[in-house]
PDB file of all heavy atoms in Angstrom:
ATOM      1  N   THR A   1     131.153 128.085  91.229  1.00  0.00           N
ATOM      2  CA  THR A   1     130.490 128.721  90.091  1.00  0.00           C
ATOM      3  C   THR A   1     129.574 127.730  89.388  1.00  0.00           C
ATOM      4  O   THR A   1     128.439 128.045  89.030  1.00  0.00           O
ATOM      5  CB  THR A   1     131.526 129.281  89.096  1.00  0.00           C
ATOM      6  OG1 THR A   1     132.450 128.239  88.752  1.00  0.00           O
ATOM      7  CG2 THR A   1     132.273 130.445  89.688  1.00  0.00           C
ATOM      8  N   LEU A   2     130.065 126.495  89.203  1.00  0.00           N
ATOM      9  CA  LEU A   2     129.239 125.483  88.545  1.00  0.00           C
ATOM     10  C   LEU A   2     128.073 125.060  89.441  1.00  0.00           C
ATOM     11  O   LEU A   2     126.976 124.779  88.962  1.00  0.00           O
ATOM     12  CB  LEU A   2     130.091 124.277  88.169  1.00  0.00           C
ATOM     13  CG  LEU A   2     131.229 124.554  87.169  1.00  0.00           C
ATOM     14  CD1 LEU A   2     131.976 123.273  86.852  1.00  0.00           C
ATOM     15  CD2 LEU A   2     130.694 125.195  85.894  1.00  0.00           C
ATOM     16  N   ALA A   3     128.308 125.012  90.766  1.00  0.00           N
ATOM     17  CA  ALA A   3     127.242 124.639  91.699  1.00  0.00           C
ATOM     18  C   ALA A   3     126.117 125.668  91.668  1.00  0.00           C
ATOM     19  O   ALA A   3     124.927 125.315  91.659  1.00  0.00           O
ATOM     20  CB  ALA A   3     127.808 124.505  93.106  1.00  0.00           C
ATOM     21  N   MET A   4     126.475 126.959  91.661  1.00  0.00           N
ATOM     22  CA  MET A   4     125.440 127.991  91.622  1.00  0.00           C
ATOM     23  C   MET A   4     124.707 127.968  90.285  1.00  0.00           C
ATOM     24  O   MET A   4     123.479 128.154  90.229  1.00  0.00           O
ATOM     25  CB  MET A   4     126.053 129.375  91.871  1.00  0.00           C
ATOM     26  CG  MET A   4     125.034 130.497  91.917  1.00  0.00           C
ATOM     27  SD  MET A   4     123.697 130.245  93.131  1.00  0.00           S
ATOM     28  CE  MET A   4     124.476 130.859  94.617  1.00  0.00           C
ATOM     29  N   ALA A   5     125.422 127.700  89.213  1.00  0.00           N
ATOM     30  CA  ALA A   5     124.776 127.599  87.901  1.00  0.00           C
ATOM     31  C   ALA A   5     123.768 126.452  87.892  1.00  0.00           C
ATOM     32  O   ALA A   5     122.680 126.565  87.307  1.00  0.00           O
ATOM     33  CB  ALA A   5     125.823 127.401  86.811  1.00  0.00           C
ATOM     34  N   ALA A   6     124.122 125.344  88.553  1.00  0.00           N
ATOM     35  CA  ALA A   6     123.206 124.197  88.627  1.00  0.00           C
ATOM     36  C   ALA A   6     121.944 124.557  89.412  1.00  0.00           C
ATOM     37  O   ALA A   6     120.828 124.182  89.028  1.00  0.00           O
ATOM     38  CB  ALA A   6     123.911 123.007  89.263  1.00  0.00           C
ATOM     39  N   LYS A   7     122.111 125.306  90.519  1.00  0.00           N
ATOM     40  CA  LYS A   7     120.946 125.727  91.304  1.00  0.00           C
ATOM     41  C   LYS A   7     120.046 126.659  90.494  1.00  0.00           C
ATOM     42  O   LYS A   7     118.813 126.581  90.564  1.00  0.00           O
ATOM     43  CB  LYS A   7     121.401 126.420  92.588  1.00  0.00           C
ATOM     44  CG  LYS A   7     121.998 125.473  93.623  1.00  0.00           C
ATOM     45  CD  LYS A   7     122.268 126.200  94.923  1.00  0.00           C
ATOM     46  CE  LYS A   7     122.722 125.249  96.024  1.00  0.00           C
ATOM     47  NZ  LYS A   7     124.098 124.793  95.893  1.00  0.00           N
ATOM     48  N   ALA A   8     120.676 127.535  89.713  1.00  0.00           N
ATOM     49  CA  ALA A   8     119.892 128.441  88.875  1.00  0.00           C
ATOM     50  C   ALA A   8     119.104 127.658  87.829  1.00  0.00           C
ATOM     51  O   ALA A   8     117.941 127.980  87.536  1.00  0.00           O
ATOM     52  CB  ALA A   8     120.821 129.452  88.193  1.00  0.00           C
ATOM     53  N   ARG A   9     119.718 126.611  87.276  1.00  0.00           N
ATOM     54  CA  ARG A   9     119.011 125.787  86.289  1.00  0.00           C
ATOM     55  C   ARG A   9     117.819 125.073  86.924  1.00  0.00           C
ATOM     56  O   ARG A   9     116.783 124.880  86.275  1.00  0.00           O
ATOM     57  CB  ARG A   9     119.974 124.777  85.658  1.00  0.00           C
ATOM     58  CG  ARG A   9     120.890 125.388  84.603  1.00  0.00           C
ATOM     59  CD  ARG A   9     121.574 124.316  83.774  1.00  0.00           C
ATOM     60  NE  ARG A   9     122.469 123.487  84.561  1.00  0.00           N
ATOM     61  CZ  ARG A   9     123.748 123.759  84.778  1.00  0.00           C
ATOM     62  NH1 ARG A   9     124.289 124.866  84.260  1.00  0.00           N
ATOM     63  NH2 ARG A   9     124.515 122.958  85.496  1.00  0.00           N
ATOM     64  N   GLU A  10     117.953 124.682  88.196  1.00  0.00           N
ATOM     65  CA  GLU A  10     116.825 124.044  88.902  1.00  0.00           C
ATOM     66  C   GLU A  10     115.629 124.993  88.943  1.00  0.00           C
ATOM     67  O   GLU A  10     114.486 124.600  88.700  1.00  0.00           O
ATOM     68  CB  GLU A  10     117.241 123.658  90.325  1.00  0.00           C
ATOM     69  CG  GLU A  10     118.158 122.453  90.422  1.00  0.00           C
ATOM     70  CD  GLU A  10     118.560 122.173  91.864  1.00  0.00           C
ATOM     71  OE1 GLU A  10     117.809 122.586  92.778  1.00  0.00           O
ATOM     72  OE2 GLU A  10     119.619 121.568  92.070  1.00  0.00           O
ATOM     73  N   TYR A  11     115.894 126.252  89.285  1.00  0.00           N
ATOM     74  CA  TYR A  11     114.818 127.240  89.329  1.00  0.00           C
ATOM     75  C   TYR A  11     114.198 127.414  87.935  1.00  0.00           C
ATOM     76  O   TYR A  11     112.966 127.465  87.788  1.00  0.00           O
ATOM     77  CB  TYR A  11     115.354 128.590  89.811  1.00  0.00           C
ATOM     78  CG  TYR A  11     115.266 128.787  91.314  1.00  0.00           C
ATOM     79  CD1 TYR A  11     116.318 128.418  92.149  1.00  0.00           C
ATOM     80  CD2 TYR A  11     114.136 129.354  91.883  1.00  0.00           C
ATOM     81  CE1 TYR A  11     116.240 128.602  93.526  1.00  0.00           C
ATOM     82  CE2 TYR A  11     114.047 129.555  93.257  1.00  0.00           C
ATOM     83  CZ  TYR A  11     115.104 129.166  94.070  1.00  0.00           C
ATOM     84  OH  TYR A  11     115.010 129.344  95.424  1.00  0.00           O
ATOM     85  N   LYS A  12     115.046 127.510  86.925  1.00  0.00           N
ATOM     86  CA  LYS A  12     114.550 127.706  85.564  1.00  0.00           C
ATOM     87  C   LYS A  12     113.686 126.532  85.119  1.00  0.00           C
ATOM     88  O   LYS A  12     112.691 126.716  84.408  1.00  0.00           O
ATOM     89  CB  LYS A  12     115.729 127.899  84.608  1.00  0.00           C
ATOM     90  CG  LYS A  12     116.443 129.234  84.773  1.00  0.00           C
ATOM     91  CD  LYS A  12     117.625 129.360  83.817  1.00  0.00           C
ATOM     92  CE  LYS A  12     118.353 130.683  84.012  1.00  0.00           C
ATOM     93  NZ  LYS A  12     119.533 130.815  83.123  1.00  0.00           N
ATOM     94  N   SER A  13     114.070 125.317  85.545  1.00  0.00           N
ATOM     95  CA  SER A  13     113.294 124.132  85.162  1.00  0.00           C
ATOM     96  C   SER A  13     111.891 124.162  85.764  1.00  0.00           C
ATOM     97  O   SER A  13     110.987 123.475  85.279  1.00  0.00           O
ATOM     98  CB  SER A  13     114.024 122.857  85.599  1.00  0.00           C
ATOM     99  OG  SER A  13     114.002 122.715  87.012  1.00  0.00           O
ATOM    100  N   ARG A  14     111.721 124.965  86.830  1.00  0.00           N
ATOM    101  CA  ARG A  14     110.403 125.108  87.460  1.00  0.00           C
ATOM    102  C   ARG A  14     109.640 126.306  86.895  1.00  0.00           C
ATOM    103  O   ARG A  14     108.615 126.718  87.431  1.00  0.00           O
ATOM    104  CB  ARG A  14     110.564 125.247  88.971  1.00  0.00           C
ATOM    105  CG  ARG A  14     110.944 123.926  89.627  1.00  0.00           C
ATOM    106  CD  ARG A  14     111.717 124.060  90.923  1.00  0.00           C
ATOM    107  NE  ARG A  14     111.225 125.076  91.835  1.00  0.00           N
ATOM    108  CZ  ARG A  14     111.924 125.506  92.893  1.00  0.00           C
ATOM    109  NH1 ARG A  14     113.125 124.990  93.144  1.00  0.00           N
ATOM    110  NH2 ARG A  14     111.426 126.419  93.690  1.00  0.00           N
ATOM    111  N   GLY A  15     110.157 126.873  85.818  1.00  0.00           N
ATOM    112  CA  GLY A  15     109.479 127.978  85.158  1.00  0.00           C
ATOM    113  C   GLY A  15     109.748 129.337  85.758  1.00  0.00           C
ATOM    114  O   GLY A  15     109.067 130.309  85.428  1.00  0.00           O
ATOM    115  N   ILE A  16     110.745 129.439  86.638  1.00  0.00           N
ATOM    116  CA  ILE A  16     111.083 130.711  87.279  1.00  0.00           C
ATOM    117  C   ILE A  16     112.137 131.431  86.452  1.00  0.00           C
ATOM    118  O   ILE A  16     113.139 130.827  86.029  1.00  0.00           O
ATOM    119  CB  ILE A  16     111.590 130.477  88.715  1.00  0.00           C
ATOM    120  CG1 ILE A  16     110.471 129.872  89.563  1.00  0.00           C
ATOM    121  CG2 ILE A  16     112.082 131.783  89.345  1.00  0.00           C
ATOM    122  CD1 ILE A  16     110.919 129.382  90.921  1.00  0.00           C
ATOM    123  N   ASN A  17     111.928 132.698  86.207  1.00  0.00           N
ATOM    124  CA  ASN A  17     112.844 133.493  85.383  1.00  0.00           C
ATOM    125  C   ASN A  17     114.067 133.909  86.205  1.00  0.00           C
ATOM    126  O   ASN A  17     114.038 134.914  86.922  1.00  0.00           O
ATOM    127  CB  ASN A  17     112.117 134.726  84.839  1.00  0.00           C
ATOM    128  CG  ASN A  17     113.056 135.647  84.074  1.00  0.00           C
ATOM    129  OD1 ASN A  17     114.112 135.232  83.605  1.00  0.00           O
ATOM    130  ND2 ASN A  17     112.674 136.910  83.959  1.00  0.00           N
ATOM    131  N   VAL A  18     115.125 133.123  86.106  1.00  0.00           N
ATOM    132  CA  VAL A  18     116.369 133.417  86.813  1.00  0.00           C
ATOM    133  C   VAL A  18     117.341 134.088  85.851  1.00  0.00           C
ATOM    134  O   VAL A  18     117.550 133.608  84.729  1.00  0.00           O
ATOM    135  CB  VAL A  18     117.005 132.126  87.382  1.00  0.00           C
ATOM    136  CG1 VAL A  18     118.385 132.415  87.962  1.00  0.00           C
ATOM    137  CG2 VAL A  18     116.098 131.519  88.440  1.00  0.00           C
ATOM    138  N   ILE A  19     117.915 135.189  86.285  1.00  0.00           N
ATOM    139  CA  ILE A  19     118.967 135.839  85.511  1.00  0.00           C
ATOM    140  C   ILE A  19     120.300 135.357  86.067  1.00  0.00           C
ATOM    141  O   ILE A  19     120.593 135.529  87.248  1.00  0.00           O
ATOM    142  CB  ILE A  19     118.866 137.371  85.604  1.00  0.00           C
ATOM    143  CG1 ILE A  19     117.521 137.850  85.048  1.00  0.00           C
ATOM    144  CG2 ILE A  19     120.017 138.031  84.842  1.00  0.00           C
ATOM    145  CD1 ILE A  19     117.273 139.331  85.215  1.00  0.00           C
ATOM    146  N   SER A  20     121.093 134.740  85.225  1.00  0.00           N
ATOM    147  CA  SER A  20     122.345 134.152  85.685  1.00  0.00           C
ATOM    148  C   SER A  20     123.509 135.109  85.492  1.00  0.00           C
ATOM    149  O   SER A  20     123.843 135.479  84.359  1.00  0.00           O
ATOM    150  CB  SER A  20     122.626 132.842  84.934  1.00  0.00           C
ATOM    151  OG  SER A  20     123.865 132.308  85.349  1.00  0.00           O
ATOM    152  N   LEU A  21     124.099 135.512  86.605  1.00  0.00           N
ATOM    153  CA  LEU A  21     125.330 136.321  86.590  1.00  0.00           C
ATOM    154  C   LEU A  21     126.450 135.558  87.292  1.00  0.00           C
ATOM    155  O   LEU A  21     127.389 136.147  87.809  1.00  0.00           O
ATOM    156  CB  LEU A  21     125.096 137.674  87.284  1.00  0.00           C
ATOM    157  CG  LEU A  21     123.943 138.532  86.762  1.00  0.00           C
ATOM    158  CD1 LEU A  21     123.908 139.863  87.511  1.00  0.00           C
ATOM    159  CD2 LEU A  21     124.047 138.772  85.261  1.00  0.00           C
ATOM    160  N   SER A  22     126.344 134.232  87.289  1.00  0.00           N
ATOM    161  CA  SER A  22     127.278 133.422  88.080  1.00  0.00           C
ATOM    162  C   SER A  22     128.427 132.845  87.278  1.00  0.00           C
ATOM    163  O   SER A  22     129.515 132.630  87.824  1.00  0.00           O
ATOM    164  CB  SER A  22     126.529 132.287  88.785  1.00  0.00           C
ATOM    165  OG  SER A  22     125.846 131.473  87.850  1.00  0.00           O
ATOM    166  N   LEU A  23     128.227 132.579  85.999  1.00  0.00           N
ATOM    167  CA  LEU A  23     129.279 131.935  85.214  1.00  0.00           C
ATOM    168  C   LEU A  23     130.147 132.954  84.494  1.00  0.00           C
ATOM    169  O   LEU A  23     129.659 133.995  84.047  1.00  0.00           O
ATOM    170  CB  LEU A  23     128.682 130.979  84.180  1.00  0.00           C
ATOM    171  CG  LEU A  23     128.211 129.612  84.666  1.00  0.00           C
ATOM    172  CD1 LEU A  23     127.672 128.808  83.496  1.00  0.00           C
ATOM    173  CD2 LEU A  23     129.338 128.857  85.355  1.00  0.00           C
ATOM    174  N   GLY A  24     131.438 132.631  84.367  1.00  0.00           N
ATOM    175  CA  GLY A  24     132.367 133.472  83.612  1.00  0.00           C
ATOM    176  C   GLY A  24     132.329 133.113  82.144  1.00  0.00           C
ATOM    177  O   GLY A  24     133.310 132.623  81.591  1.00  0.00           O
ATOM    178  N   GLU A  25     131.193 133.356  81.519  1.00  0.00           N
ATOM    179  CA  GLU A  25     131.000 132.924  80.134  1.00  0.00           C
ATOM    180  C   GLU A  25     130.586 134.095  79.269  1.00  0.00           C
ATOM    181  O   GLU A  25     129.555 134.722  79.521  1.00  0.00           O
ATOM    182  CB  GLU A  25     129.939 131.832  80.074  1.00  0.00           C
ATOM    183  CG  GLU A  25     129.613 131.390  78.668  1.00  0.00           C
ATOM    184  CD  GLU A  25     129.483 129.888  78.554  1.00  0.00           C
ATOM    185  OE1 GLU A  25     128.846 129.284  79.422  1.00  0.00           O
ATOM    186  OE2 GLU A  25     130.024 129.328  77.604  1.00  0.00           O
ATOM    187  N   PRO A  26     131.374 134.427  78.242  1.00  0.00           N
ATOM    188  CA  PRO A  26     130.949 135.504  77.336  1.00  0.00           C
ATOM    189  C   PRO A  26     129.566 135.228  76.775  1.00  0.00           C
ATOM    190  O   PRO A  26     129.219 134.087  76.473  1.00  0.00           O
ATOM    191  CB  PRO A  26     132.009 135.464  76.223  1.00  0.00           C
ATOM    192  CG  PRO A  26     133.220 134.856  76.863  1.00  0.00           C
ATOM    193  CD  PRO A  26     132.676 133.845  77.838  1.00  0.00           C
ATOM    194  N   ASP A  27     128.778 136.283  76.646  1.00  0.00           N
ATOM    195  CA  ASP A  27     127.442 136.107  76.094  1.00  0.00           C
ATOM    196  C   ASP A  27     127.430 136.324  74.586  1.00  0.00           C
ATOM    197  O   ASP A  27     126.376 136.348  73.963  1.00  0.00           O
ATOM    198  CB  ASP A  27     126.442 137.049  76.773  1.00  0.00           C
ATOM    199  CG  ASP A  27     126.801 138.519  76.585  1.00  0.00           C
ATOM    200  OD1 ASP A  27     127.982 138.862  76.772  1.00  0.00           O
ATOM    201  OD2 ASP A  27     125.909 139.330  76.269  1.00  0.00           O
ATOM    202  N   PHE A  28     128.609 136.473  73.994  1.00  0.00           N
ATOM    203  CA  PHE A  28     128.739 136.597  72.549  1.00  0.00           C
ATOM    204  C   PHE A  28     128.926 135.216  71.923  1.00  0.00           C
ATOM    205  O   PHE A  28     129.379 134.277  72.581  1.00  0.00           O
ATOM    206  CB  PHE A  28     129.943 137.471  72.186  1.00  0.00           C
ATOM    207  CG  PHE A  28     129.848 138.875  72.703  1.00  0.00           C
ATOM    208  CD1 PHE A  28     130.524 139.255  73.849  1.00  0.00           C
ATOM    209  CD2 PHE A  28     129.083 139.827  72.038  1.00  0.00           C
ATOM    210  CE1 PHE A  28     130.440 140.548  74.343  1.00  0.00           C
ATOM    211  CE2 PHE A  28     128.991 141.119  72.514  1.00  0.00           C
ATOM    212  CZ  PHE A  28     129.669 141.484  73.663  1.00  0.00           C
ATOM    213  N   LYS A  29     128.611 135.107  70.659  1.00  0.00           N
ATOM    214  CA  LYS A  29     128.905 133.901  69.907  1.00  0.00           C
ATOM    215  C   LYS A  29     130.359 133.958  69.421  1.00  0.00           C
ATOM    216  O   LYS A  29     130.920 135.038  69.231  1.00  0.00           O
ATOM    217  CB  LYS A  29     127.977 133.770  68.692  1.00  0.00           C
ATOM    218  CG  LYS A  29     126.492 133.743  69.032  1.00  0.00           C
ATOM    219  CD  LYS A  29     126.115 132.513  69.831  1.00  0.00           C
ATOM    220  CE  LYS A  29     124.603 132.449  70.064  1.00  0.00           C
ATOM    221  NZ  LYS A  29     124.243 131.339  70.973  1.00  0.00           N
ATOM    222  N   THR A  30     130.947 132.786  69.213  1.00  0.00           N
ATOM    223  CA  THR A  30     132.268 132.735  68.597  1.00  0.00           C
ATOM    224  C   THR A  30     132.218 133.478  67.267  1.00  0.00           C
ATOM    225  O   THR A  30     131.315 133.236  66.456  1.00  0.00           O
ATOM    226  CB  THR A  30     132.687 131.280  68.345  1.00  0.00           C
ATOM    227  OG1 THR A  30     132.690 130.562  69.585  1.00  0.00           O
ATOM    228  CG2 THR A  30     134.081 131.211  67.723  1.00  0.00           C
ATOM    229  N   PRO A  31     133.162 134.415  67.026  1.00  0.00           N
ATOM    230  CA  PRO A  31     133.129 135.180  65.775  1.00  0.00           C
ATOM    231  C   PRO A  31     133.034 134.281  64.539  1.00  0.00           C
ATOM    232  O   PRO A  31     133.598 133.192  64.491  1.00  0.00           O
ATOM    233  CB  PRO A  31     134.449 135.946  65.815  1.00  0.00           C
ATOM    234  CG  PRO A  31     134.692 136.155  67.270  1.00  0.00           C
ATOM    235  CD  PRO A  31     134.224 134.883  67.924  1.00  0.00           C
ATOM    236  N   LYS A  32     132.322 134.782  63.536  1.00  0.00           N
ATOM    237  CA  LYS A  32     131.987 133.988  62.357  1.00  0.00           C
ATOM    238  C   LYS A  32     133.227 133.461  61.642  1.00  0.00           C
ATOM    239  O   LYS A  32     133.254 132.312  61.173  1.00  0.00           O
ATOM    240  CB  LYS A  32     131.152 134.838  61.407  1.00  0.00           C
ATOM    241  CG  LYS A  32     130.332 134.047  60.409  1.00  0.00           C
ATOM    242  CD  LYS A  32     129.144 133.387  61.106  1.00  0.00           C
ATOM    243  CE  LYS A  32     128.265 132.648  60.085  1.00  0.00           C
ATOM    244  NZ  LYS A  32     127.189 131.882  60.759  1.00  0.00           N
ATOM    245  N   HIS A  33     134.265 134.282  61.536  1.00  0.00           N
ATOM    246  CA  HIS A  33     135.439 133.839  60.766  1.00  0.00           C
ATOM    247  C   HIS A  33     136.148 132.674  61.461  1.00  0.00           C
ATOM    248  O   HIS A  33     136.766 131.843  60.804  1.00  0.00           O
ATOM    249  CB  HIS A  33     136.403 135.001  60.526  1.00  0.00           C
ATOM    250  CG  HIS A  33     137.154 135.467  61.731  1.00  0.00           C
ATOM    251  ND1 HIS A  33     136.568 136.188  62.755  1.00  0.00           N
ATOM    252  CD2 HIS A  33     138.449 135.306  62.098  1.00  0.00           C
ATOM    253  CE1 HIS A  33     137.467 136.462  63.676  1.00  0.00           C
ATOM    254  NE2 HIS A  33     138.623 135.935  63.310  1.00  0.00           N
ATOM    255  N   ILE A  34     136.014 132.591  62.800  1.00  0.00           N
ATOM    256  CA  ILE A  34     136.602 131.462  63.527  1.00  0.00           C
ATOM    257  C   ILE A  34     135.764 130.206  63.280  1.00  0.00           C
ATOM    258  O   ILE A  34     136.302 129.111  63.074  1.00  0.00           O
ATOM    259  CB  ILE A  34     136.705 131.790  65.024  1.00  0.00           C
ATOM    260  CG1 ILE A  34     137.603 133.018  65.237  1.00  0.00           C
ATOM    261  CG2 ILE A  34     137.241 130.593  65.802  1.00  0.00           C
ATOM    262  CD1 ILE A  34     137.651 133.514  66.678  1.00  0.00           C
ATOM    263  N   GLN A  35     134.445 130.374  63.283  1.00  0.00           N
ATOM    264  CA  GLN A  35     133.581 129.250  62.920  1.00  0.00           C
ATOM    265  C   GLN A  35     133.921 128.727  61.531  1.00  0.00           C
ATOM    266  O   GLN A  35     133.981 127.502  61.306  1.00  0.00           O
ATOM    267  CB  GLN A  35     132.111 129.685  62.944  1.00  0.00           C
ATOM    268  CG  GLN A  35     131.587 130.122  64.305  1.00  0.00           C
ATOM    269  CD  GLN A  35     130.129 130.546  64.230  1.00  0.00           C
ATOM    270  OE1 GLN A  35     129.339 129.955  63.495  1.00  0.00           O
ATOM    271  NE2 GLN A  35     129.779 131.586  64.977  1.00  0.00           N
ATOM    272  N   GLU A  36     134.156 129.646  60.595  1.00  0.00           N
ATOM    273  CA  GLU A  36     134.473 129.240  59.229  1.00  0.00           C
ATOM    274  C   GLU A  36     135.798 128.494  59.162  1.00  0.00           C
ATOM    275  O   GLU A  36     135.960 127.574  58.350  1.00  0.00           O
ATOM    276  CB  GLU A  36     134.511 130.468  58.304  1.00  0.00           C
ATOM    277  CG  GLU A  36     133.162 131.143  58.099  1.00  0.00           C
ATOM    278  CD  GLU A  36     132.118 130.219  57.489  1.00  0.00           C
ATOM    279  OE1 GLU A  36     132.504 129.341  56.685  1.00  0.00           O
ATOM    280  OE2 GLU A  36     130.935 130.367  57.831  1.00  0.00           O
ATOM    281  N   GLY A  37     136.743 128.887  60.028  1.00  0.00           N
ATOM    282  CA  GLY A  37     138.014 128.169  60.084  1.00  0.00           C
ATOM    283  C   GLY A  37     137.825 126.712  60.479  1.00  0.00           C
ATOM    284  O   GLY A  37     138.470 125.811  59.929  1.00  0.00           O
ATOM    285  N   ALA A  38     136.924 126.487  61.430  1.00  0.00           N
ATOM    286  CA  ALA A  38     136.625 125.107  61.841  1.00  0.00           C
ATOM    287  C   ALA A  38     135.925 124.346  60.720  1.00  0.00           C
ATOM    288  O   ALA A  38     136.225 123.173  60.460  1.00  0.00           O
ATOM    289  CB  ALA A  38     135.762 125.119  63.095  1.00  0.00           C
ATOM    290  N   LYS A  39     134.984 125.004  60.043  1.00  0.00           N
ATOM    291  CA  LYS A  39     134.275 124.343  58.945  1.00  0.00           C
ATOM    292  C   LYS A  39     135.235 123.950  57.829  1.00  0.00           C
ATOM    293  O   LYS A  39     135.134 122.860  57.249  1.00  0.00           O
ATOM    294  CB  LYS A  39     133.186 125.266  58.401  1.00  0.00           C
ATOM    295  CG  LYS A  39     132.013 125.494  59.347  1.00  0.00           C
ATOM    296  CD  LYS A  39     131.021 126.476  58.722  1.00  0.00           C
ATOM    297  CE  LYS A  39     129.905 126.821  59.682  1.00  0.00           C
ATOM    298  NZ  LYS A  39     128.982 127.829  59.109  1.00  0.00           N
ATOM    299  N   SER A  40     136.161 124.845  57.520  1.00  0.00           N
ATOM    300  CA  SER A  40     137.145 124.540  56.472  1.00  0.00           C
ATOM    301  C   SER A  40     137.994 123.339  56.853  1.00  0.00           C
ATOM    302  O   SER A  40     138.327 122.501  56.001  1.00  0.00           O
ATOM    303  CB  SER A  40     138.045 125.760  56.231  1.00  0.00           C
ATOM    304  OG  SER A  40     137.302 126.848  55.736  1.00  0.00           O
TER     305      SER A  40
END
């Protein structure tokens, strides 16, 4: 998964629009109240 993500980044660095569906990563941000817990 990390190897394919690295290859996709190579394409992106050359200005090619790659859509990445390779990583198991939520596309949401960490909820705000959890961020606030860390800040506190």
